[in-house]
């Protein structure tokens, strides 16, 4: 067997690297359909026992938070559940903290309310109980995340279903919720739980379901850069605003980290994107603990002179965040599918203040590329002594087969070319001699 050779942006290793799995459990002799039917029935009984039908505290809380005349009553229930202590996302306790820990087990949804805490599944089941008490058609579902492996129905291993979410019928339409994951906006799922299969936990109806596919509009990164040239190189103020899936993942990564560690992590990440020799300082982090608001990080950076001199002219690229990012799809062929975590968009707004005594001799042509697997554009403009580059990249699919790889490769080849475009500057004296 030839050695395994990884490729950039491949599916999870368990999907492409040869390996042997051993797993054990009950009812492994059953055919797949019978196996999953039994799993659905057994798990539904456990969930219904936890949710219950006579939990008085659940009913009272639903009535108090979501009166029948409230237009946003489901959202109020969701926000209430998210406000409770979430034991699944707490940092690991040391020996002394574990000894002092007075956490009690939750036997039902009422216990979660009484204790004021729960783990990921208990909080989601409490939300389903509250929604049912408020009159909504709500049910839990166990699904298979796609960050470590892809679900295979023919593989009779219940451990494939590794995350619980809640399905609620709202105005006749299915909506998905996960209040048991901190910072998850109302009506959104974390990216590994999008576009995946699972089992609906509904008595007498344990159907296989599929969660909604992610869209690039739900993962927009907006980068605003103000760039000035100095005697030593360049100064830049950079603000990166993350939306949707990007925002949620950034918040979760910083959840239990101290502020100094978070800042250092972002500074190191930014330095990896900038030319060698750059220095970076995080000056501001906005909405690190928010939910609906975008997550934003602002930096101050100094960069070495990255321009190229040609006589009295200087060639100046402006896409500074792409200078240290090589095209990941340079190879002509591909063995494995291309797999992004989710579709995404990048919107860059880069403003460059012309150095004193310099004029623009030539700006690059605008670019506009559209393919079935994405689009890319650059728009250059000048107003007074400021140049502006608007750069957009939209990648609407997260799984691209090897057969479609040439189209993706062509797109990213155009992206790499556009990101290398340069403005031609010349000194004012040179400008005067060449009208």
Protein backbone atom coordinates (compact mmCIF):
# COMPACT_ATOMS: atom_id res chain seq x y z
CA UNK A 1 0.00 0.00 0.00
CA UNK A 2 1.47 3.40 -0.96
CA UNK A 3 2.12 5.96 1.78
CA UNK A 4 -0.75 8.29 2.60
CA UNK A 5 -0.20 11.77 1.16
CA UNK A 6 -2.51 14.47 2.56
CA UNK A 7 -3.87 17.30 0.44
CA UNK A 8 -4.87 20.79 1.57
CA UNK A 9 -8.54 21.15 2.53
CA UNK A 10 -9.35 17.45 2.50
CA UNK A 11 -12.28 15.75 4.26
CA UNK A 12 -11.67 14.43 7.78
CA UNK A 13 -8.78 11.97 7.93
CA UNK A 14 -11.12 9.13 8.93
CA UNK A 15 -12.81 9.53 5.55
CA UNK A 16 -9.70 9.35 3.38
CA UNK A 17 -6.90 7.66 5.36
CA UNK A 18 -6.93 3.84 5.56
CA UNK A 19 -7.73 2.70 9.09
CA UNK A 20 -9.44 -0.07 10.99
CA UNK A 21 -12.22 0.67 13.48
CA UNK A 22 -13.31 -1.62 16.29
CA UNK A 23 -16.62 -0.83 17.94
CA UNK A 24 -18.92 -2.64 20.27
CA UNK A 25 -22.48 -2.31 21.51
CA UNK A 26 -25.86 -3.97 21.65
CA UNK A 27 -27.94 -5.28 18.75
CA UNK A 28 -25.04 -5.26 16.28
CA UNK A 29 -26.54 -8.33 14.61
CA UNK A 30 -29.56 -6.33 13.45
CA UNK A 31 -29.93 -5.06 9.90
CA UNK A 32 -29.29 -1.29 9.63
CA UNK A 33 -32.96 -0.26 9.36
CA UNK A 34 -33.93 -2.39 12.35
CA UNK A 35 -30.91 -1.22 14.33
CA UNK A 36 -31.62 2.49 13.87
CA UNK A 37 -35.34 1.97 14.53
CA UNK A 38 -34.48 0.40 17.88
CA UNK A 39 -31.98 3.15 18.72
CA UNK A 40 -34.59 5.79 17.92
CA UNK A 41 -37.23 4.08 20.04
CA UNK A 42 -34.91 3.58 23.04
CA UNK A 43 -33.46 7.08 22.99
CA UNK A 44 -36.88 8.68 22.49
CA UNK A 45 -38.12 6.95 25.63
CA UNK A 46 -35.18 8.30 27.62
CA UNK A 47 -35.71 11.85 26.34
CA UNK A 48 -39.47 11.76 26.96
CA UNK A 49 -38.81 10.58 30.51
CA UNK A 50 -36.45 13.55 31.04
CA UNK A 51 -38.75 16.09 29.41
CA UNK A 52 -41.85 14.66 31.07
CA UNK A 53 -45.42 15.87 30.77
CA UNK A 54 -46.08 16.96 34.34
CA UNK A 55 -43.02 19.08 35.14
CA UNK A 56 -44.72 21.94 37.00
CA UNK A 57 -41.68 24.22 36.97
CA UNK A 58 -41.35 23.82 33.22
CA UNK A 59 -44.99 24.75 32.66
CA UNK A 60 -44.79 27.73 35.01
CA UNK A 61 -41.59 29.00 33.38
CA UNK A 62 -43.03 28.66 29.88
CA UNK A 63 -46.16 30.56 30.92
CA UNK A 64 -44.12 33.32 32.56
CA UNK A 65 -41.60 33.76 29.75
CA UNK A 66 -43.80 33.05 26.75
CA UNK A 67 -47.39 34.24 27.19
CA UNK A 68 -49.61 33.37 24.28
CA UNK A 69 -49.79 36.98 23.12
CA UNK A 70 -46.01 37.30 22.80
CA UNK A 71 -44.77 37.41 19.21
CA UNK A 72 -41.22 36.38 20.05
CA UNK A 73 -42.06 33.87 22.77
CA UNK A 74 -39.91 31.04 21.38
CA UNK A 75 -36.89 33.34 21.29
CA UNK A 76 -37.49 34.32 24.92
CA UNK A 77 -37.43 30.66 25.91
CA UNK A 78 -34.25 30.17 23.89
CA UNK A 79 -32.48 33.11 25.51
CA UNK A 80 -33.53 31.94 28.96
CA UNK A 81 -32.02 28.48 28.40
CA UNK A 82 -28.81 30.02 27.09
CA UNK A 83 -28.54 32.13 30.24
CA UNK A 84 -28.27 29.02 32.44
CA UNK A 85 -24.91 27.61 33.50
CA UNK A 86 -23.58 25.23 30.85
CA UNK A 87 -21.45 22.49 32.43
CA UNK A 88 -20.33 21.07 29.07
CA UNK A 89 -18.33 24.17 28.24
CA UNK A 90 -16.65 24.87 31.57
CA UNK A 91 -12.90 24.56 31.95
CA UNK A 92 -11.63 21.41 33.61
CA UNK A 93 -11.61 21.70 37.39
CA UNK A 94 -8.47 21.11 39.43
CA UNK A 95 -8.50 18.63 42.34
CA UNK A 96 -9.53 21.21 44.96
CA UNK A 97 -12.29 22.64 42.78
CA UNK A 98 -13.61 19.17 42.02
CA UNK A 99 -13.69 18.38 45.74
CA UNK A 100 -15.71 21.52 46.49
CA UNK A 101 -18.04 20.97 43.55
CA UNK A 102 -21.65 20.63 44.70
CA UNK A 103 -23.14 19.94 41.29
CA UNK A 104 -26.06 17.53 41.45
CA UNK A 105 -27.36 15.26 38.73
CA UNK A 106 -30.40 16.39 36.78
CA UNK A 107 -33.04 13.68 36.55
CA UNK A 108 -35.55 15.72 34.56
CA UNK A 109 -36.21 19.13 33.05
CA UNK A 110 -37.57 20.49 36.34
CA UNK A 111 -34.23 19.66 37.99
CA UNK A 112 -32.40 21.77 35.39
CA UNK A 113 -34.60 24.72 36.35
CA UNK A 114 -34.19 24.14 40.08
CA UNK A 115 -30.41 23.74 39.91
CA UNK A 116 -29.86 26.45 37.29
CA UNK A 117 -27.45 24.39 35.22
CA UNK A 118 -27.18 21.51 32.78
CA UNK A 119 -24.93 19.93 30.19
CA UNK A 120 -25.36 20.40 26.45
CA UNK A 121 -28.04 17.72 26.03
CA UNK A 122 -29.92 18.63 29.22
CA UNK A 123 -30.19 22.26 28.17
CA UNK A 124 -31.44 21.32 24.72
CA UNK A 125 -33.97 18.93 26.22
CA UNK A 126 -35.11 21.68 28.61
CA UNK A 127 -35.62 23.98 25.63
CA UNK A 128 -37.71 21.29 23.89
CA UNK A 129 -39.76 20.86 27.09
CA UNK A 130 -40.35 24.61 27.41
CA UNK A 131 -41.29 24.91 23.74
CA UNK A 132 -43.78 22.04 24.07
CA UNK A 133 -45.23 23.61 27.21
CA UNK A 134 -45.68 26.86 25.25
CA UNK A 135 -47.64 25.02 22.57
CA UNK A 136 -44.95 24.42 19.94
CA UNK A 137 -44.40 21.15 18.09
CA UNK A 138 -40.84 20.55 19.31
CA UNK A 139 -38.65 17.44 19.34
CA UNK A 140 -35.03 16.60 19.97
CA UNK A 141 -32.88 14.97 17.31
CA UNK A 142 -29.56 13.20 17.58
CA UNK A 143 -27.30 14.00 14.61
CA UNK A 144 -23.84 13.11 13.36
CA UNK A 145 -21.33 15.96 13.14
CA UNK A 146 -19.14 16.16 10.05
CA UNK A 147 -15.92 17.51 11.56
CA UNK A 148 -14.42 14.10 12.41
CA UNK A 149 -16.26 11.70 10.07
CA UNK A 150 -19.33 11.40 7.86
CA UNK A 151 -22.40 9.43 8.94
CA UNK A 152 -22.86 5.98 7.40
CA UNK A 153 -26.28 4.44 7.92
CA UNK A 154 -25.02 0.97 7.03
CA UNK A 155 -22.54 1.12 9.92
CA UNK A 156 -24.56 -0.01 12.95
CA UNK A 157 -22.73 2.14 15.51
CA UNK A 158 -24.85 4.54 17.55
CA UNK A 159 -21.74 6.53 18.53
CA UNK A 160 -21.97 8.13 15.10
CA UNK A 161 -24.82 10.25 16.49
CA UNK A 162 -22.74 12.57 18.63
CA UNK A 163 -24.74 15.77 19.04
CA UNK A 164 -28.28 16.66 20.09
CA UNK A 165 -30.27 19.54 18.61
CA UNK A 166 -33.91 20.62 18.69
CA UNK A 167 -36.37 20.76 15.80
CA UNK A 168 -39.33 23.14 16.23
CA UNK A 169 -42.20 23.75 13.86
CA UNK A 170 -42.58 27.55 13.59
CA UNK A 171 -45.44 28.93 11.45
CA UNK A 172 -45.50 25.68 9.52
CA UNK A 173 -41.77 25.60 8.85
CA UNK A 174 -39.02 23.51 10.44
CA UNK A 175 -36.42 25.47 12.39
CA UNK A 176 -33.34 24.09 14.12
CA UNK A 177 -31.95 25.19 17.47
CA UNK A 178 -29.00 24.45 19.72
CA UNK A 179 -29.16 26.56 22.93
CA UNK A 180 -26.88 23.99 24.57
CA UNK A 181 -23.91 25.42 22.62
CA UNK A 182 -22.91 28.84 24.03
CA UNK A 183 -23.16 31.90 21.78
CA UNK A 184 -25.20 30.07 19.13
CA UNK A 185 -27.67 32.56 17.61
CA UNK A 186 -31.38 31.80 17.58
CA UNK A 187 -32.22 29.52 14.66
CA UNK A 188 -28.62 28.59 13.87
CA UNK A 189 -26.51 25.45 14.30
CA UNK A 190 -22.76 25.18 14.70
CA UNK A 191 -21.14 24.34 11.34
CA UNK A 192 -20.34 20.63 12.01
CA UNK A 193 -24.06 20.13 12.61
CA UNK A 194 -25.19 21.60 9.28
CA UNK A 195 -26.00 19.43 6.26
CA UNK A 196 -25.85 16.20 8.28
CA UNK A 197 -28.08 13.21 8.95
CA UNK A 198 -29.67 12.23 12.22
CA UNK A 199 -32.61 10.60 13.97
CA UNK A 200 -35.71 12.47 15.05
CA UNK A 201 -36.65 11.66 18.64
CA UNK A 202 -40.42 11.57 18.23
CA UNK A 203 -42.57 8.79 19.65
CA UNK A 204 -43.66 6.46 16.89
CA UNK A 205 -41.81 8.48 14.27
CA UNK A 206 -38.05 8.06 14.51
CA UNK A 207 -37.40 9.21 10.96
CA UNK A 208 -34.01 10.02 9.55
CA UNK A 209 -33.74 13.75 9.03
CA UNK A 210 -31.15 16.12 7.59
CA UNK A 211 -30.21 19.51 8.98
CA UNK A 212 -30.11 22.55 6.67
CA UNK A 213 -27.11 23.07 4.41
CA UNK A 214 -24.85 26.01 5.30
CA UNK A 215 -24.69 29.06 3.02
CA UNK A 216 -21.84 31.45 2.34
CA UNK A 217 -23.99 34.41 3.43
CA UNK A 218 -23.89 32.93 6.94
CA UNK A 219 -20.08 33.09 7.13
CA UNK A 220 -18.99 36.55 6.02
CA UNK A 221 -15.64 37.97 7.07
CA UNK A 222 -15.35 41.72 6.55
CA UNK A 223 -11.80 43.12 6.67
CA UNK A 224 -11.18 46.87 6.74
CA UNK A 225 -7.56 48.02 6.36
CA UNK A 226 -6.20 51.56 6.50
CA UNK A 227 -2.66 51.64 5.18
CA UNK A 228 -0.03 54.38 5.34
CA UNK A 229 3.58 54.42 4.17
CA UNK A 230 6.29 55.49 6.62
CA UNK A 231 10.05 55.99 6.39
CA UNK A 232 10.55 52.45 7.71
CA UNK A 233 7.79 50.71 5.74
CA UNK A 234 4.06 50.77 6.39
CA UNK A 235 1.59 51.22 9.25
CA UNK A 236 -1.80 49.54 9.12
CA UNK A 237 -4.96 49.58 11.19
CA UNK A 238 -6.86 46.37 10.53
CA UNK A 239 -10.35 45.50 11.73
CA UNK A 240 -11.68 42.03 11.00
CA UNK A 241 -15.37 41.44 11.64
CA UNK A 242 -16.60 37.86 11.73
CA UNK A 243 -20.23 36.95 11.12
CA UNK A 244 -22.25 33.76 11.46
CA UNK A 245 -20.25 30.53 11.68
CA UNK A 246 -16.97 32.45 11.80
CA UNK A 247 -18.20 34.54 14.72
CA UNK A 248 -19.46 31.52 16.67
CA UNK A 249 -16.22 29.55 16.27
CA UNK A 250 -14.09 32.50 17.38
CA UNK A 251 -16.21 32.96 20.50
CA UNK A 252 -16.05 29.29 21.43
CA UNK A 253 -12.27 29.17 21.00
CA UNK A 254 -11.91 32.09 23.41
CA UNK A 255 -14.55 30.91 25.88
CA UNK A 256 -12.31 29.69 28.72
CA UNK A 257 -9.06 31.46 27.77
CA UNK A 258 -7.71 34.50 29.56
CA UNK A 259 -7.55 37.83 27.73
CA UNK A 260 -3.75 37.80 27.33
CA UNK A 261 -3.82 34.36 25.70
CA UNK A 262 -6.65 35.36 23.37
CA UNK A 263 -4.79 38.48 22.24
CA UNK A 264 -1.57 36.57 21.72
CA UNK A 265 -3.38 33.96 19.62
CA UNK A 266 -4.88 36.60 17.34
CA UNK A 267 -1.60 38.46 17.05
CA UNK A 268 0.26 35.32 16.01
CA UNK A 269 -2.45 34.46 13.50
CA UNK A 270 -2.33 37.92 11.96
CA UNK A 271 1.48 37.89 11.74
CA UNK A 272 1.26 34.66 9.74
CA UNK A 273 -0.74 36.53 7.09
CA UNK A 274 1.52 39.58 6.83
CA UNK A 275 5.00 39.90 5.27
CA UNK A 276 7.92 38.56 7.32
CA UNK A 277 9.23 41.10 9.81
CA UNK A 278 5.81 42.62 10.58
CA UNK A 279 4.79 43.45 14.13
CA UNK A 280 1.20 43.19 15.34
CA UNK A 281 -0.72 44.36 18.40
CA UNK A 282 -4.38 43.70 19.17
CA UNK A 283 -5.91 46.98 20.30
CA UNK A 284 -9.54 45.95 20.66
CA UNK A 285 -11.86 42.93 20.75
CA UNK A 286 -15.58 43.59 20.38
CA UNK A 287 -18.51 41.35 21.35
CA UNK A 288 -16.38 38.42 22.52
CA UNK A 289 -19.28 37.29 24.70
CA UNK A 290 -22.11 38.38 22.43
CA UNK A 291 -24.51 36.21 20.46
CA UNK A 292 -26.30 38.12 17.73
CA UNK A 293 -23.60 40.76 17.20
CA UNK A 294 -20.57 40.15 14.97
CA UNK A 295 -17.25 39.33 16.63
CA UNK A 296 -14.55 41.87 15.74
CA UNK A 297 -10.82 42.23 16.34
CA UNK A 298 -8.83 45.41 15.67
CA UNK A 299 -5.06 45.45 15.18
CA UNK A 300 -2.23 47.93 14.77
CA UNK A 301 0.55 46.60 12.57
CA UNK A 302 3.88 47.76 11.21
CA UNK A 303 5.08 46.18 7.99
CA UNK A 304 8.45 46.29 6.22
CA UNK A 305 8.61 47.96 2.83
CA UNK A 306 7.01 45.41 0.49
CA UNK A 307 7.04 47.60 -2.62
CA UNK A 308 9.31 47.06 -5.63
CA UNK A 309 11.32 49.92 -7.14
CA UNK A 310 11.62 50.30 -10.91
CA UNK A 311 13.52 53.52 -11.52
CA UNK A 312 11.43 56.38 -10.14
CA UNK A 313 8.39 54.14 -9.97
CA UNK A 314 7.23 51.88 -7.15
CA UNK A 315 5.00 48.84 -7.61
CA UNK A 316 2.69 48.63 -4.58
CA UNK A 317 0.34 45.70 -3.87
CA UNK A 318 -2.53 46.40 -1.47
CA UNK A 319 -3.91 42.92 -0.64
CA UNK A 320 -1.55 42.69 2.33
CA UNK A 321 -3.41 39.87 4.08
CA UNK A 322 -2.81 37.57 1.12
CA UNK A 323 0.93 38.16 0.72
CA UNK A 324 1.89 35.16 2.86
CA UNK A 325 -1.01 32.94 1.75
CA UNK A 326 0.03 30.74 -1.18
CA UNK A 327 -2.60 29.36 -3.51
CA UNK A 328 -3.61 26.01 -1.91
CA UNK A 329 -4.78 24.60 -5.26
CA UNK A 330 -1.74 24.85 -7.50
CA UNK A 331 -1.56 21.14 -8.38
CA UNK A 332 -3.19 20.21 -11.68
CA UNK A 333 -4.89 17.10 -10.33
CA UNK A 334 -6.49 16.10 -7.06
CA UNK A 335 -7.04 12.69 -5.44
CA UNK A 336 -9.45 13.66 -2.65
CA UNK A 337 -12.44 16.02 -2.60
CA UNK A 338 -11.91 19.60 -1.47
CA UNK A 339 -13.61 20.09 1.86
CA UNK A 340 -14.07 23.46 3.54
CA UNK A 341 -15.70 23.62 6.95
CA UNK A 342 -18.46 25.73 5.44
CA UNK A 343 -19.14 28.02 2.48
CA UNK A 344 -17.78 31.51 3.10
CA UNK A 345 -17.41 35.05 1.85
CA UNK A 346 -14.57 37.54 2.25
CA UNK A 347 -15.14 41.27 1.78
CA UNK A 348 -12.03 43.44 1.99
CA UNK A 349 -11.96 47.22 1.98
CA UNK A 350 -8.36 48.45 1.78
CA UNK A 351 -7.58 52.17 1.81
CA UNK A 352 -4.05 53.39 1.07
CA UNK A 353 -3.05 56.98 1.76
CA UNK A 354 -0.59 58.05 -0.91
CA UNK A 355 2.82 59.11 0.38
CA UNK A 356 3.56 62.82 0.07
CA UNK A 357 5.14 63.58 -3.28
CA UNK A 358 3.73 60.50 -5.03
CA UNK A 359 1.14 60.22 -7.77
CA UNK A 360 -0.65 57.25 -9.26
CA UNK A 361 0.64 56.42 -12.71
CA UNK A 362 -1.47 53.33 -13.23
CA UNK A 363 -4.05 51.34 -11.31
CA UNK A 364 -4.75 47.69 -12.09
CA UNK A 365 -7.78 46.78 -14.13
CA UNK A 366 -10.81 45.68 -12.14
CA UNK A 367 -11.39 41.94 -12.08
CA UNK A 368 -14.61 39.99 -12.09
CA UNK A 369 -14.59 36.20 -12.18
CA UNK A 370 -17.66 33.99 -11.87
CA UNK A 371 -17.67 30.18 -11.89
CA UNK A 372 -20.13 27.50 -10.73
CA UNK A 373 -17.92 27.07 -7.64
CA UNK A 374 -17.48 30.69 -6.66
CA UNK A 375 -16.81 34.26 -7.64
CA UNK A 376 -14.07 36.84 -7.14
CA UNK A 377 -13.83 40.54 -7.85
CA UNK A 378 -11.55 43.52 -7.31
CA UNK A 379 -12.54 47.15 -7.74
CA UNK A 380 -9.92 49.93 -7.65
CA UNK A 381 -10.68 53.61 -7.19
CA UNK A 382 -9.00 56.88 -6.21
CA UNK A 383 -10.39 59.87 -4.37
CA UNK A 384 -7.92 62.64 -3.65
CA UNK A 385 -4.79 61.17 -2.08
CA UNK A 386 -6.45 57.88 -1.15
CA UNK A 387 -6.64 54.65 -3.11
CA UNK A 388 -9.27 52.05 -2.31
CA UNK A 389 -9.36 48.38 -3.21
CA UNK A 390 -12.60 46.46 -2.69
CA UNK A 391 -11.96 42.73 -2.85
CA UNK A 392 -14.67 40.07 -2.66
CA UNK A 393 -14.49 36.28 -2.66
CA UNK A 394 -17.57 34.04 -2.47
CA UNK A 395 -17.16 30.26 -2.12
CA UNK A 396 -20.74 28.88 -1.99
CA UNK A 397 -19.93 25.15 -1.70
CA UNK A 398 -18.00 23.29 0.97
CA UNK A 399 -17.60 19.89 -0.72
CA UNK A 400 -16.06 19.79 -4.21
CA UNK A 401 -15.48 16.48 -5.95
CA UNK A 402 -12.16 15.73 -7.69
CA UNK A 403 -14.03 15.88 -11.02
CA UNK A 404 -14.96 19.52 -10.32
CA UNK A 405 -11.51 20.41 -8.98
CA UNK A 406 -10.28 22.03 -12.26
CA UNK A 407 -13.05 24.65 -11.97
CA UNK A 408 -12.06 25.46 -8.38
CA UNK A 409 -8.38 25.53 -9.33
CA UNK A 410 -9.14 28.00 -12.12
CA UNK A 411 -11.02 30.24 -9.67
CA UNK A 412 -8.22 30.30 -7.10
CA UNK A 413 -5.65 30.88 -9.84
CA UNK A 414 -7.58 34.05 -10.72
CA UNK A 415 -7.72 34.96 -7.01
CA UNK A 416 -3.97 34.56 -6.66
CA UNK A 417 -3.39 36.72 -9.74
CA UNK A 418 -5.74 39.45 -8.56
CA UNK A 419 -4.23 39.50 -5.09
CA UNK A 420 -0.80 40.18 -6.64
CA UNK A 421 -2.01 43.18 -8.65
CA UNK A 422 0.03 46.33 -7.96
CA UNK A 423 -0.49 50.07 -8.21
CA UNK A 424 2.27 51.92 -10.05
CA UNK A 425 3.34 55.03 -8.12
CA UNK A 426 5.85 57.64 -9.23
CA UNK A 427 7.34 60.64 -7.53
CA UNK A 428 5.84 64.03 -8.26
CA UNK A 429 9.03 65.22 -10.01
CA UNK A 430 8.95 62.15 -12.24
CA UNK A 431 5.28 62.82 -12.88
CA UNK A 432 6.14 66.32 -14.02
CA UNK A 433 8.60 65.08 -16.63
CA UNK A 434 6.18 62.55 -18.09
CA UNK A 435 2.82 64.23 -18.68
